[in-house]
Amino acid sequence: MSGGERERESAAKQRTLNTVSTETIQQYLETVRVDIDKELDRLLPTADHFPPSIHQAMRYSVFAGGKRLRPILCLEAGRLLGGDERTLVRLGSALELIHTYSLIHDDLPALDNDNLRRGKPTSHRAFGESTAILAGDALLTLAFEVLSSPGPPPEACKLRVIHELAHAIGTERGMIGGQVIDLQMAGQRVDNCTLEYIHSAKTGAFIRAAVRSGALYTQVGKEDLARLTTYGEKVGLAFQIVDDLLDVLGTQESLGKRVGKDDQQHKATYPAIHGIEESQRMAFQLVEEACEVLGPYGDRAHTLQGIAQYLLVRKN
């Protein structure tokens, strides 16, 4: 690539990243996180509700921190299409319950065997393995209770979203399927196709479903759903690539969890296969493409575009 081409590429990238400032997006994420946390507090049984041990464990992990990225993506996708905000916050909160269940189980000794999550002892360290397993199960169950409860939107919308989420966390190109292949391939040579499957299924599928779920809670048309699906797919994969990079380049203090564990466990990651610089380029390209696909929405899509761009510079 010539010097002039590199300059033009750099300028194009800078224009993309300047759509919304990082500071503005961080402020937005914090504001919406508070709204999601209020809804989660309302949905979860109180810590002293019988039997208290399980409810304490559920609340411990849900309120241990986190950006609430998945519910926020869901909420913003629905907002883009004129959805009801209160209904979308409830939907997003259910997504966070599912996400927290997956984190509790991922941290267990039989899987990633992590002792820290968001700077605090993981659920099995704080409450024991049996309670941690049950707390994850309980959060997943509560999520589907919330999703199927009476009230808006129409039942057909709810059923479609429940099916969407069940598939995204299942065994066929979903979270569990990705986790299984990730475990099986540890220490083995992995081709790019397998690597993309692991990341797209283990992390990307649920992020894609979060975006699509927000859209499906509105009267979404085929073109709108297709655009948001593409956005969700690209953002989901970019998120996991950045996660891989943070495990190499981040610190335990900023991440709130052990770093370097992917290499120690010989996991298939983008930096391990493509190197750090190429992985960064791939993540940037995915985010750029995710932003471009929302171009037809003009200024209305700036927040979703800004969230995608924020993923490139996040520290945890």
C-alpha atoms as a PDB file:
ATOM      1  CA  MET A   1       0.000   0.000   0.000  1.00  0.00           C
ATOM      2  CA  SER A   2       1.415   3.432  -0.975  1.00  0.00           C
ATOM      3  CA  GLY A   3       1.826   6.311   1.465  1.00  0.00           C
ATOM      4  CA  GLY A   4      -1.093   8.166  -0.117  1.00  0.00           C
ATOM      5  CA  GLU A   5      -3.360   5.121   0.142  1.00  0.00           C
ATOM      6  CA  ARG A   6      -2.448   4.650   3.798  1.00  0.00           C
ATOM      7  CA  GLU A   7      -3.266   8.298   4.515  1.00  0.00           C
ATOM      8  CA  ARG A   8      -6.630   8.038   2.766  1.00  0.00           C
ATOM      9  CA  GLU A   9      -7.447   4.812   4.649  1.00  0.00           C
ATOM     10  CA  SER A  10      -6.449   6.440   7.949  1.00  0.00           C
ATOM     11  CA  ALA A  11      -8.619   9.489   7.213  1.00  0.00           C
ATOM     12  CA  ALA A  12     -11.591   7.265   6.321  1.00  0.00           C
ATOM     13  CA  LYS A  13     -11.182   5.340   9.563  1.00  0.00           C
ATOM     14  CA  GLN A  14     -11.008   8.543  11.578  1.00  0.00           C
ATOM     15  CA  ARG A  15     -14.243   9.802  10.004  1.00  0.00           C
ATOM     16  CA  THR A  16     -15.955   6.555  11.007  1.00  0.00           C
ATOM     17  CA  LEU A  17     -14.706   6.718  14.577  1.00  0.00           C
ATOM     18  CA  ASN A  18     -15.766  10.349  14.971  1.00  0.00           C
ATOM     19  CA  THR A  19     -19.483   9.622  14.465  1.00  0.00           C
ATOM     20  CA  VAL A  20     -20.075   9.791  18.244  1.00  0.00           C
ATOM     21  CA  SER A  21     -17.443  10.593  20.854  1.00  0.00           C
ATOM     22  CA  THR A  22     -16.314   7.888  23.252  1.00  0.00           C
ATOM     23  CA  GLU A  23     -17.179  10.130  26.200  1.00  0.00           C
ATOM     24  CA  THR A  24     -20.742  10.616  24.944  1.00  0.00           C
ATOM     25  CA  ILE A  25     -21.227   6.880  24.509  1.00  0.00           C
ATOM     26  CA  GLN A  26     -19.803   6.131  27.960  1.00  0.00           C
ATOM     27  CA  GLN A  27     -22.231   8.628  29.501  1.00  0.00           C
ATOM     28  CA  TYR A  28     -25.097   7.081  27.560  1.00  0.00           C
ATOM     29  CA  LEU A  29     -24.133   3.549  28.612  1.00  0.00           C
ATOM     30  CA  GLU A  30     -24.002   4.600  32.258  1.00  0.00           C
ATOM     31  CA  THR A  31     -27.401   6.321  32.098  1.00  0.00           C
ATOM     32  CA  VAL A  32     -29.121   3.318  30.533  1.00  0.00           C
ATOM     33  CA  ARG A  33     -27.259   0.897  32.815  1.00  0.00           C
ATOM     34  CA  VAL A  34     -28.962   2.575  35.776  1.00  0.00           C
ATOM     35  CA  ASP A  35     -32.388   2.063  34.170  1.00  0.00           C
ATOM     36  CA  ILE A  36     -31.642  -1.594  33.466  1.00  0.00           C
ATOM     37  CA  ASP A  37     -30.397  -2.136  37.022  1.00  0.00           C
ATOM     38  CA  LYS A  38     -33.607  -0.668  38.447  1.00  0.00           C
ATOM     39  CA  GLU A  39     -35.647  -3.115  36.385  1.00  0.00           C
ATOM     40  CA  LEU A  40     -33.411  -6.031  37.373  1.00  0.00           C
ATOM     41  CA  ASP A  41     -33.831  -5.104  41.028  1.00  0.00           C
ATOM     42  CA  ARG A  42     -37.587  -5.164  40.540  1.00  0.00           C
ATOM     43  CA  LEU A  43     -37.598  -8.506  38.716  1.00  0.00           C
ATOM     44  CA  LEU A  44     -35.277 -10.425  41.043  1.00  0.00           C
ATOM     45  CA  PRO A  45     -36.547 -11.824  44.343  1.00  0.00           C
ATOM     46  CA  THR A  46     -35.207  -9.917  47.350  1.00  0.00           C
ATOM     47  CA  ALA A  47     -32.124 -11.326  49.073  1.00  0.00           C
ATOM     48  CA  ASP A  48     -34.140 -12.403  52.137  1.00  0.00           C
ATOM     49  CA  HIS A  49     -36.902 -14.091  50.108  1.00  0.00           C
ATOM     50  CA  PHE A  50     -37.103 -17.802  50.991  1.00  0.00           C
ATOM     51  CA  PRO A  51     -34.897 -19.682  50.305  1.00  0.00           C
ATOM     52  CA  PRO A  52     -32.461 -16.793  50.845  1.00  0.00           C
ATOM     53  CA  SER A  53     -29.209 -18.511  49.857  1.00  0.00           C
ATOM     54  CA  ILE A  54     -30.195 -18.905  46.195  1.00  0.00           C
ATOM     55  CA  HIS A  55     -31.633 -15.402  45.907  1.00  0.00           C
ATOM     56  CA  GLN A  56     -28.518 -13.897  47.491  1.00  0.00           C
ATOM     57  CA  ALA A  57     -26.366 -15.761  44.961  1.00  0.00           C
ATOM     58  CA  MET A  58     -28.545 -14.648  42.037  1.00  0.00           C
ATOM     59  CA  ARG A  59     -28.408 -10.997  43.065  1.00  0.00           C
ATOM     60  CA  TYR A  60     -24.693 -11.182  43.845  1.00  0.00           C
ATOM     61  CA  SER A  61     -23.774 -12.071  40.277  1.00  0.00           C
ATOM     62  CA  VAL A  62     -26.342  -9.850  38.564  1.00  0.00           C
ATOM     63  CA  PHE A  63     -25.221  -6.780  40.508  1.00  0.00           C
ATOM     64  CA  ALA A  64     -21.483  -7.546  40.501  1.00  0.00           C
ATOM     65  CA  GLY A  65     -20.988  -4.930  37.768  1.00  0.00           C
ATOM     66  CA  GLY A  66     -20.995  -5.026  33.992  1.00  0.00           C
ATOM     67  CA  LYS A  67     -21.785  -2.670  31.126  1.00  0.00           C
ATOM     68  CA  ARG A  68     -25.254  -4.133  30.339  1.00  0.00           C
ATOM     69  CA  LEU A  69     -24.185  -4.122  26.678  1.00  0.00           C
ATOM     70  CA  ARG A  70     -26.690  -6.727  25.502  1.00  0.00           C
ATOM     71  CA  PRO A  71     -29.779  -5.080  27.005  1.00  0.00           C
ATOM     72  CA  ILE A  72     -28.581  -1.690  25.756  1.00  0.00           C
ATOM     73  CA  LEU A  73     -28.144  -2.998  22.204  1.00  0.00           C
ATOM     74  CA  CYS A  74     -31.619  -4.513  22.442  1.00  0.00           C
ATOM     75  CA  LEU A  75     -33.103  -1.266  23.728  1.00  0.00           C
ATOM     76  CA  GLU A  76     -31.396   0.897  21.118  1.00  0.00           C
ATOM     77  CA  ALA A  77     -32.390  -1.391  18.231  1.00  0.00           C
ATOM     78  CA  GLY A  78     -36.004  -1.146  19.375  1.00  0.00           C
ATOM     79  CA  ARG A  79     -35.762   2.614  19.833  1.00  0.00           C
ATOM     80  CA  LEU A  80     -34.433   2.974  16.291  1.00  0.00           C
ATOM     81  CA  LEU A  81     -37.695   1.481  15.041  1.00  0.00           C
ATOM     82  CA  GLY A  82     -39.987   3.361  17.413  1.00  0.00           C
ATOM     83  CA  GLY A  83     -40.507   0.619  20.018  1.00  0.00           C
ATOM     84  CA  ASP A  84     -42.007   1.112  23.477  1.00  0.00           C
ATOM     85  CA  GLU A  85     -39.137   1.918  25.841  1.00  0.00           C
ATOM     86  CA  ARG A  86     -40.618   0.409  29.013  1.00  0.00           C
ATOM     87  CA  THR A  87     -41.300  -2.894  27.256  1.00  0.00           C
ATOM     88  CA  LEU A  88     -37.794  -2.890  25.752  1.00  0.00           C
ATOM     89  CA  VAL A  89     -36.167  -2.291  29.159  1.00  0.00           C
ATOM     90  CA  ARG A  90     -37.986  -5.333  30.516  1.00  0.00           C
ATOM     91  CA  LEU A  91     -36.859  -7.395  27.520  1.00  0.00           C
ATOM     92  CA  GLY A  92     -33.291  -6.164  27.909  1.00  0.00           C
ATOM     93  CA  SER A  93     -33.305  -7.073  31.591  1.00  0.00           C
ATOM     94  CA  ALA A  94     -34.290 -10.627  30.703  1.00  0.00           C
ATOM     95  CA  LEU A  95     -31.306 -10.736  28.337  1.00  0.00           C
ATOM     96  CA  GLU A  96     -29.013  -9.676  31.169  1.00  0.00           C
ATOM     97  CA  LEU A  97     -30.361 -12.497  33.353  1.00  0.00           C
ATOM     98  CA  ILE A  98     -29.442 -14.960  30.590  1.00  0.00           C
ATOM     99  CA  HIS A  99     -26.022 -13.383  30.153  1.00  0.00           C
ATOM    100  CA  THR A 100     -25.310 -13.594  33.896  1.00  0.00           C
ATOM    101  CA  TYR A 101     -26.336 -17.258  33.961  1.00  0.00           C
ATOM    102  CA  SER A 102     -23.778 -17.941  31.224  1.00  0.00           C
ATOM    103  CA  LEU A 103     -21.018 -16.133  33.137  1.00  0.00           C
ATOM    104  CA  ILE A 104     -21.680 -18.054  36.355  1.00  0.00           C
ATOM    105  CA  HIS A 105     -21.449 -21.369  34.517  1.00  0.00           C
ATOM    106  CA  ASP A 106     -18.425 -20.313  32.431  1.00  0.00           C
ATOM    107  CA  ASP A 107     -16.499 -19.517  35.603  1.00  0.00           C
ATOM    108  CA  LEU A 108     -17.069 -22.958  37.169  1.00  0.00           C
ATOM    109  CA  PRO A 109     -14.051 -25.235  37.760  1.00  0.00           C
ATOM    110  CA  ALA A 110     -15.336 -27.693  35.141  1.00  0.00           C
ATOM    111  CA  LEU A 111     -15.192 -24.967  32.457  1.00  0.00           C
ATOM    112  CA  ASP A 112     -12.922 -21.883  32.718  1.00  0.00           C
ATOM    113  CA  ASN A 113     -12.161 -22.294  36.438  1.00  0.00           C
ATOM    114  CA  ASP A 114     -12.030 -18.557  37.181  1.00  0.00           C
ATOM    115  CA  ASN A 115     -11.872 -17.146  40.691  1.00  0.00           C
ATOM    116  CA  LEU A 116     -12.480 -13.497  39.766  1.00  0.00           C
ATOM    117  CA  ARG A 117     -15.242 -11.848  37.762  1.00  0.00           C
ATOM    118  CA  ARG A 118     -15.508  -8.037  37.550  1.00  0.00           C
ATOM    119  CA  GLY A 119     -13.023  -7.716  40.390  1.00  0.00           C
ATOM    120  CA  LYS A 120     -15.032  -9.877  42.801  1.00  0.00           C
ATOM    121  CA  PRO A 121     -14.918 -13.574  43.735  1.00  0.00           C
ATOM    122  CA  THR A 122     -16.884 -15.626  41.214  1.00  0.00           C
ATOM    123  CA  SER A 123     -20.182 -17.153  42.298  1.00  0.00           C
ATOM    124  CA  HIS A 124     -18.775 -20.609  43.059  1.00  0.00           C
ATOM    125  CA  ARG A 125     -16.016 -19.032  45.181  1.00  0.00           C
ATOM    126  CA  ALA A 126     -18.523 -16.928  47.115  1.00  0.00           C
ATOM    127  CA  PHE A 127     -21.343 -19.462  47.506  1.00  0.00           C
ATOM    128  CA  GLY A 128     -19.970 -22.886  46.564  1.00  0.00           C
ATOM    129  CA  GLU A 129     -20.304 -24.836  43.322  1.00  0.00           C
ATOM    130  CA  SER A 130     -23.728 -26.337  43.951  1.00  0.00           C
ATOM    131  CA  THR A 131     -25.354 -22.982  44.738  1.00  0.00           C
ATOM    132  CA  ALA A 132     -23.568 -21.335  41.802  1.00  0.00           C
ATOM    133  CA  ILE A 133     -24.904 -23.949  39.378  1.00  0.00           C
ATOM    134  CA  LEU A 134     -28.412 -23.519  40.736  1.00  0.00           C
ATOM    135  CA  ALA A 135     -28.121 -19.713  40.680  1.00  0.00           C
ATOM    136  CA  GLY A 136     -27.271 -19.865  36.977  1.00  0.00           C
ATOM    137  CA  ASP A 137     -30.167 -22.234  36.344  1.00  0.00           C
ATOM    138  CA  ALA A 138     -32.504 -19.965  38.310  1.00  0.00           C
ATOM    139  CA  LEU A 139     -31.496 -16.853  36.357  1.00  0.00           C
ATOM    140  CA  LEU A 140     -32.075 -18.594  33.035  1.00  0.00           C
ATOM    141  CA  THR A 141     -35.469 -19.842  34.233  1.00  0.00           C
ATOM    142  CA  LEU A 142     -36.463 -16.399  35.539  1.00  0.00           C
ATOM    143  CA  ALA A 143     -35.501 -14.836  32.211  1.00  0.00           C
ATOM    144  CA  PHE A 144     -37.991 -16.989  30.314  1.00  0.00           C
ATOM    145  CA  GLU A 145     -40.632 -16.365  32.991  1.00  0.00           C
ATOM    146  CA  VAL A 146     -40.170 -12.626  32.381  1.00  0.00           C
ATOM    147  CA  LEU A 147     -40.226 -13.042  28.607  1.00  0.00           C
ATOM    148  CA  SER A 148     -43.466 -15.037  28.677  1.00  0.00           C
ATOM    149  CA  SER A 149     -45.330 -12.961  31.279  1.00  0.00           C
ATOM    150  CA  PRO A 150     -48.611 -11.148  30.420  1.00  0.00           C
ATOM    151  CA  GLY A 151     -48.551  -7.686  28.899  1.00  0.00           C
ATOM    152  CA  PRO A 152     -47.255  -6.051  25.729  1.00  0.00           C
ATOM    153  CA  PRO A 153     -46.080  -6.680  23.070  1.00  0.00           C
ATOM    154  CA  PRO A 154     -48.452  -9.104  21.287  1.00  0.00           C
ATOM    155  CA  GLU A 155     -48.010 -12.792  22.073  1.00  0.00           C
ATOM    156  CA  ALA A 156     -46.747 -13.502  18.565  1.00  0.00           C
ATOM    157  CA  CYS A 157     -43.843 -11.064  19.105  1.00  0.00           C
ATOM    158  CA  LYS A 158     -42.977 -12.657  22.440  1.00  0.00           C
ATOM    159  CA  LEU A 159     -43.038 -16.158  21.007  1.00  0.00           C
ATOM    160  CA  ARG A 160     -40.771 -15.134  18.142  1.00  0.00           C
ATOM    161  CA  VAL A 161     -38.274 -13.559  20.550  1.00  0.00           C
ATOM    162  CA  ILE A 162     -38.333 -16.549  22.908  1.00  0.00           C
ATOM    163  CA  HIS A 163     -37.574 -18.813  19.945  1.00  0.00           C
ATOM    164  CA  GLU A 164     -34.811 -16.432  18.806  1.00  0.00           C
ATOM    165  CA  LEU A 165     -33.123 -16.409  22.211  1.00  0.00           C
ATOM    166  CA  ALA A 166     -33.481 -20.140  22.822  1.00  0.00           C
ATOM    167  CA  HIS A 167     -31.725 -20.784  19.506  1.00  0.00           C
ATOM    168  CA  ALA A 168     -28.983 -18.220  20.250  1.00  0.00           C
ATOM    169  CA  ILE A 169     -28.031 -19.882  23.522  1.00  0.00           C
ATOM    170  CA  GLY A 170     -28.479 -23.461  22.292  1.00  0.00           C
ATOM    171  CA  THR A 171     -26.297 -26.092  20.675  1.00  0.00           C
ATOM    172  CA  GLU A 172     -26.722 -25.329  16.965  1.00  0.00           C
ATOM    173  CA  ARG A 173     -24.526 -22.290  16.244  1.00  0.00           C
ATOM    174  CA  GLY A 174     -25.476 -20.950  19.671  1.00  0.00           C
ATOM    175  CA  MET A 175     -23.718 -20.209  22.939  1.00  0.00           C
ATOM    176  CA  ILE A 176     -23.577 -23.780  24.216  1.00  0.00           C
ATOM    177  CA  GLY A 177     -22.450 -25.160  20.866  1.00  0.00           C
ATOM    178  CA  GLY A 178     -19.647 -22.600  20.703  1.00  0.00           C
ATOM    179  CA  GLN A 179     -18.563 -23.371  24.245  1.00  0.00           C
ATOM    180  CA  VAL A 180     -18.432 -27.102  23.519  1.00  0.00           C
ATOM    181  CA  ILE A 181     -16.194 -26.663  20.460  1.00  0.00           C
ATOM    182  CA  ASP A 182     -14.044 -24.155  22.369  1.00  0.00           C
ATOM    183  CA  LEU A 183     -13.428 -26.758  25.084  1.00  0.00           C
ATOM    184  CA  GLN A 184     -12.831 -29.579  22.620  1.00  0.00           C
ATOM    185  CA  MET A 185     -10.326 -27.628  20.543  1.00  0.00           C
ATOM    186  CA  ALA A 186      -8.196 -26.348  23.433  1.00  0.00           C
ATOM    187  CA  GLY A 187      -4.549 -27.160  22.692  1.00  0.00           C
ATOM    188  CA  GLN A 188      -5.259 -28.212  19.094  1.00  0.00           C
ATOM    189  CA  ARG A 189      -4.536 -26.454  15.809  1.00  0.00           C
ATOM    190  CA  VAL A 190      -7.647 -24.588  14.725  1.00  0.00           C
ATOM    191  CA  ASP A 191      -8.383 -23.304  11.232  1.00  0.00           C
ATOM    192  CA  ASN A 192     -10.009 -19.928  10.656  1.00  0.00           C
ATOM    193  CA  CYS A 193     -13.401 -21.471   9.900  1.00  0.00           C
ATOM    194  CA  THR A 194     -13.506 -23.261  13.256  1.00  0.00           C
ATOM    195  CA  LEU A 195     -12.259 -20.166  15.066  1.00  0.00           C
ATOM    196  CA  GLU A 196     -15.013 -18.042  13.548  1.00  0.00           C
ATOM    197  CA  TYR A 197     -17.602 -20.670  14.469  1.00  0.00           C
ATOM    198  CA  ILE A 198     -16.455 -20.691  18.102  1.00  0.00           C
ATOM    199  CA  HIS A 199     -16.555 -16.923  18.419  1.00  0.00           C
ATOM    200  CA  SER A 200     -19.723 -16.384  16.405  1.00  0.00           C
ATOM    201  CA  ALA A 201     -21.571 -19.052  18.367  1.00  0.00           C
ATOM    202  CA  LYS A 202     -20.163 -18.608  21.867  1.00  0.00           C
ATOM    203  CA  THR A 203     -20.481 -14.815  21.975  1.00  0.00           C
ATOM    204  CA  GLY A 204     -21.725 -13.431  18.675  1.00  0.00           C
ATOM    205  CA  ALA A 205     -25.000 -15.342  18.458  1.00  0.00           C
ATOM    206  CA  PHE A 206     -26.393 -13.890  21.681  1.00  0.00           C
ATOM    207  CA  ILE A 207     -25.320 -10.329  20.819  1.00  0.00           C
ATOM    208  CA  ARG A 208     -26.947 -10.755  17.389  1.00  0.00           C
ATOM    209  CA  ALA A 209     -30.080 -12.061  19.094  1.00  0.00           C
ATOM    210  CA  ALA A 210     -30.099  -9.113  21.508  1.00  0.00           C
ATOM    211  CA  VAL A 211     -30.189  -6.672  18.586  1.00  0.00           C
ATOM    212  CA  ARG A 212     -32.772  -8.715  16.679  1.00  0.00           C
ATOM    213  CA  SER A 213     -34.952  -9.125  19.781  1.00  0.00           C
ATOM    214  CA  GLY A 214     -35.221  -5.366  20.219  1.00  0.00           C
ATOM    215  CA  ALA A 215     -36.268  -5.077  16.583  1.00  0.00           C
ATOM    216  CA  LEU A 216     -38.725  -7.964  16.849  1.00  0.00           C
ATOM    217  CA  TYR A 217     -40.536  -6.191  19.704  1.00  0.00           C
ATOM    218  CA  THR A 218     -41.608  -3.584  17.113  1.00  0.00           C
ATOM    219  CA  GLN A 219     -43.488  -3.841  13.841  1.00  0.00           C
ATOM    220  CA  VAL A 220     -40.199  -4.497  12.048  1.00  0.00           C
ATOM    221  CA  GLY A 221     -40.034  -4.966   8.282  1.00  0.00           C
ATOM    222  CA  LYS A 222     -37.761  -7.382   6.434  1.00  0.00           C
ATOM    223  CA  GLU A 223     -35.266  -4.744   5.294  1.00  0.00           C
ATOM    224  CA  ASP A 224     -34.917  -3.221   8.767  1.00  0.00           C
ATOM    225  CA  LEU A 225     -34.490  -6.639  10.352  1.00  0.00           C
ATOM    226  CA  ALA A 226     -31.882  -7.637   7.765  1.00  0.00           C
ATOM    227  CA  ARG A 227     -29.840  -4.479   8.405  1.00  0.00           C
ATOM    228  CA  LEU A 228     -29.955  -4.893  12.167  1.00  0.00           C
ATOM    229  CA  THR A 229     -29.108  -8.576  11.864  1.00  0.00           C
ATOM    230  CA  THR A 230     -25.970  -7.724   9.887  1.00  0.00           C
ATOM    231  CA  TYR A 231     -25.089  -5.057  12.433  1.00  0.00           C
ATOM    232  CA  GLY A 232     -25.543  -7.515  15.311  1.00  0.00           C
ATOM    233  CA  GLU A 233     -23.456 -10.218  13.637  1.00  0.00           C
ATOM    234  CA  LYS A 234     -20.540  -7.895  12.959  1.00  0.00           C
ATOM    235  CA  VAL A 235     -20.646  -6.219  16.355  1.00  0.00           C
ATOM    236  CA  GLY A 236     -20.863  -9.609  18.089  1.00  0.00           C
ATOM    237  CA  LEU A 237     -17.768 -10.957  16.357  1.00  0.00           C
ATOM    238  CA  ALA A 238     -15.869  -7.677  16.850  1.00  0.00           C
ATOM    239  CA  PHE A 239     -16.718  -7.775  20.566  1.00  0.00           C
ATOM    240  CA  GLN A 240     -15.166 -11.233  20.966  1.00  0.00           C
ATOM    241  CA  ILE A 241     -12.055 -10.337  18.958  1.00  0.00           C
ATOM    242  CA  VAL A 242     -11.522  -7.326  21.243  1.00  0.00           C
ATOM    243  CA  ASP A 243     -12.124  -9.607  24.240  1.00  0.00           C
ATOM    244  CA  ASP A 244      -9.349 -11.881  22.952  1.00  0.00           C
ATOM    245  CA  LEU A 245      -7.069  -8.863  22.555  1.00  0.00           C
ATOM    246  CA  LEU A 246      -7.814  -7.625  26.075  1.00  0.00           C
ATOM    247  CA  ASP A 247      -6.777 -11.009  27.464  1.00  0.00           C
ATOM    248  CA  VAL A 248      -3.369 -10.369  25.868  1.00  0.00           C
ATOM    249  CA  LEU A 249      -3.039  -6.588  26.226  1.00  0.00           C
ATOM    250  CA  GLY A 250      -5.219  -5.781  29.261  1.00  0.00           C
ATOM    251  CA  THR A 251      -4.536  -5.887  32.989  1.00  0.00           C
ATOM    252  CA  GLN A 252      -6.291  -7.691  35.819  1.00  0.00           C
ATOM    253  CA  GLU A 253      -6.974  -4.315  37.453  1.00  0.00           C
ATOM    254  CA  SER A 254      -8.830  -2.926  34.420  1.00  0.00           C
ATOM    255  CA  LEU A 255     -10.598  -6.150  33.473  1.00  0.00           C
ATOM    256  CA  GLY A 256     -11.448  -7.328  36.978  1.00  0.00           C
ATOM    257  CA  LYS A 257     -10.460 -10.878  36.079  1.00  0.00           C
ATOM    258  CA  ARG A 258      -7.419 -13.003  35.337  1.00  0.00           C
ATOM    259  CA  VAL A 259      -5.555 -12.119  32.138  1.00  0.00           C
ATOM    260  CA  GLY A 260      -3.488 -14.396  29.909  1.00  0.00           C
ATOM    261  CA  LYS A 261      -5.739 -17.364  30.647  1.00  0.00           C
ATOM    262  CA  ASP A 262      -6.529 -18.005  26.971  1.00  0.00           C
ATOM    263  CA  ASP A 263      -2.858 -18.656  26.292  1.00  0.00           C
ATOM    264  CA  GLN A 264      -2.443 -20.697  29.472  1.00  0.00           C
ATOM    265  CA  GLN A 265      -5.411 -22.880  28.500  1.00  0.00           C
ATOM    266  CA  HIS A 266      -4.263 -23.014  24.850  1.00  0.00           C
ATOM    267  CA  LYS A 267      -7.579 -21.579  23.666  1.00  0.00           C
ATOM    268  CA  ALA A 268      -8.300 -20.772  20.030  1.00  0.00           C
ATOM    269  CA  THR A 269      -8.266 -16.966  19.804  1.00  0.00           C
ATOM    270  CA  TYR A 270      -7.807 -14.386  17.077  1.00  0.00           C
ATOM    271  CA  PRO A 271      -4.468 -13.078  18.425  1.00  0.00           C
ATOM    272  CA  ALA A 272      -3.140 -16.641  18.702  1.00  0.00           C
ATOM    273  CA  ILE A 273      -3.980 -17.413  15.068  1.00  0.00           C
ATOM    274  CA  HIS A 274      -3.823 -14.029  13.319  1.00  0.00           C
ATOM    275  CA  GLY A 275      -1.550 -12.004  15.587  1.00  0.00           C
ATOM    276  CA  ILE A 276      -2.352  -8.813  17.485  1.00  0.00           C
ATOM    277  CA  GLU A 277      -2.091  -6.291  14.637  1.00  0.00           C
ATOM    278  CA  GLU A 278      -4.197  -8.313  12.198  1.00  0.00           C
ATOM    279  CA  SER A 279      -6.789  -9.019  14.904  1.00  0.00           C
ATOM    280  CA  GLN A 280      -7.070  -5.287  15.582  1.00  0.00           C
ATOM    281  CA  ARG A 281      -7.510  -4.631  11.862  1.00  0.00           C
ATOM    282  CA  MET A 282     -10.214  -7.287  11.604  1.00  0.00           C
ATOM    283  CA  ALA A 283     -12.119  -5.864  14.580  1.00  0.00           C
ATOM    284  CA  PHE A 284     -11.945  -2.368  13.110  1.00  0.00           C
ATOM    285  CA  GLN A 285     -13.204  -3.579   9.738  1.00  0.00           C
ATOM    286  CA  LEU A 286     -16.145  -5.389  11.332  1.00  0.00           C
ATOM    287  CA  VAL A 287     -17.119  -2.261  13.269  1.00  0.00           C
ATOM    288  CA  GLU A 288     -16.773  -0.104  10.168  1.00  0.00           C
ATOM    289  CA  GLU A 289     -19.052  -2.472   8.232  1.00  0.00           C
ATOM    290  CA  ALA A 290     -21.547  -2.565  11.119  1.00  0.00           C
ATOM    291  CA  CYS A 291     -21.736   1.231  11.086  1.00  0.00           C
ATOM    292  CA  GLU A 292     -22.069   1.415   7.297  1.00  0.00           C
ATOM    293  CA  VAL A 293     -25.038  -0.947   7.186  1.00  0.00           C
ATOM    294  CA  LEU A 294     -27.001   1.496   9.383  1.00  0.00           C
ATOM    295  CA  GLY A 295     -26.289   4.397   7.028  1.00  0.00           C
ATOM    296  CA  PRO A 296     -29.892   4.572   5.690  1.00  0.00           C
ATOM    297  CA  TYR A 297     -31.118   5.600   9.172  1.00  0.00           C
ATOM    298  CA  GLY A 298     -28.980   8.746   9.256  1.00  0.00           C
ATOM    299  CA  ASP A 299     -28.638  10.468  12.639  1.00  0.00           C
ATOM    300  CA  ARG A 300     -31.094   8.043  14.267  1.00  0.00           C
ATOM    301  CA  ALA A 301     -28.423   5.325  14.110  1.00  0.00           C
ATOM    302  CA  HIS A 302     -25.625   7.363  15.689  1.00  0.00           C
ATOM    303  CA  THR A 303     -25.992   5.737  19.094  1.00  0.00           C
ATOM    304  CA  LEU A 304     -25.828   2.205  17.711  1.00  0.00           C
ATOM    305  CA  GLN A 305     -22.863   3.221  15.587  1.00  0.00           C
ATOM    306  CA  GLY A 306     -21.214   4.828  18.596  1.00  0.00           C
ATOM    307  CA  ILE A 307     -21.659   1.677  20.678  1.00  0.00           C
ATOM    308  CA  ALA A 308     -19.982  -0.356  17.940  1.00  0.00           C
ATOM    309  CA  GLN A 309     -17.072   2.090  17.838  1.00  0.00           C
ATOM    310  CA  TYR A 310     -16.798   2.090  21.625  1.00  0.00           C
ATOM    311  CA  LEU A 311     -16.092  -1.655  21.528  1.00  0.00           C
ATOM    312  CA  LEU A 312     -12.768  -0.921  19.820  1.00  0.00           C
ATOM    313  CA  VAL A 313     -11.481   1.292  22.631  1.00  0.00           C
ATOM    314  CA  ARG A 314     -13.042  -0.352  25.685  1.00  0.00           C
ATOM    315  CA  LYS A 315     -10.690  -1.395  28.488  1.00  0.00           C
ATOM    316  CA  ASN A 316     -12.884  -4.055  30.092  1.00  0.00           C
END
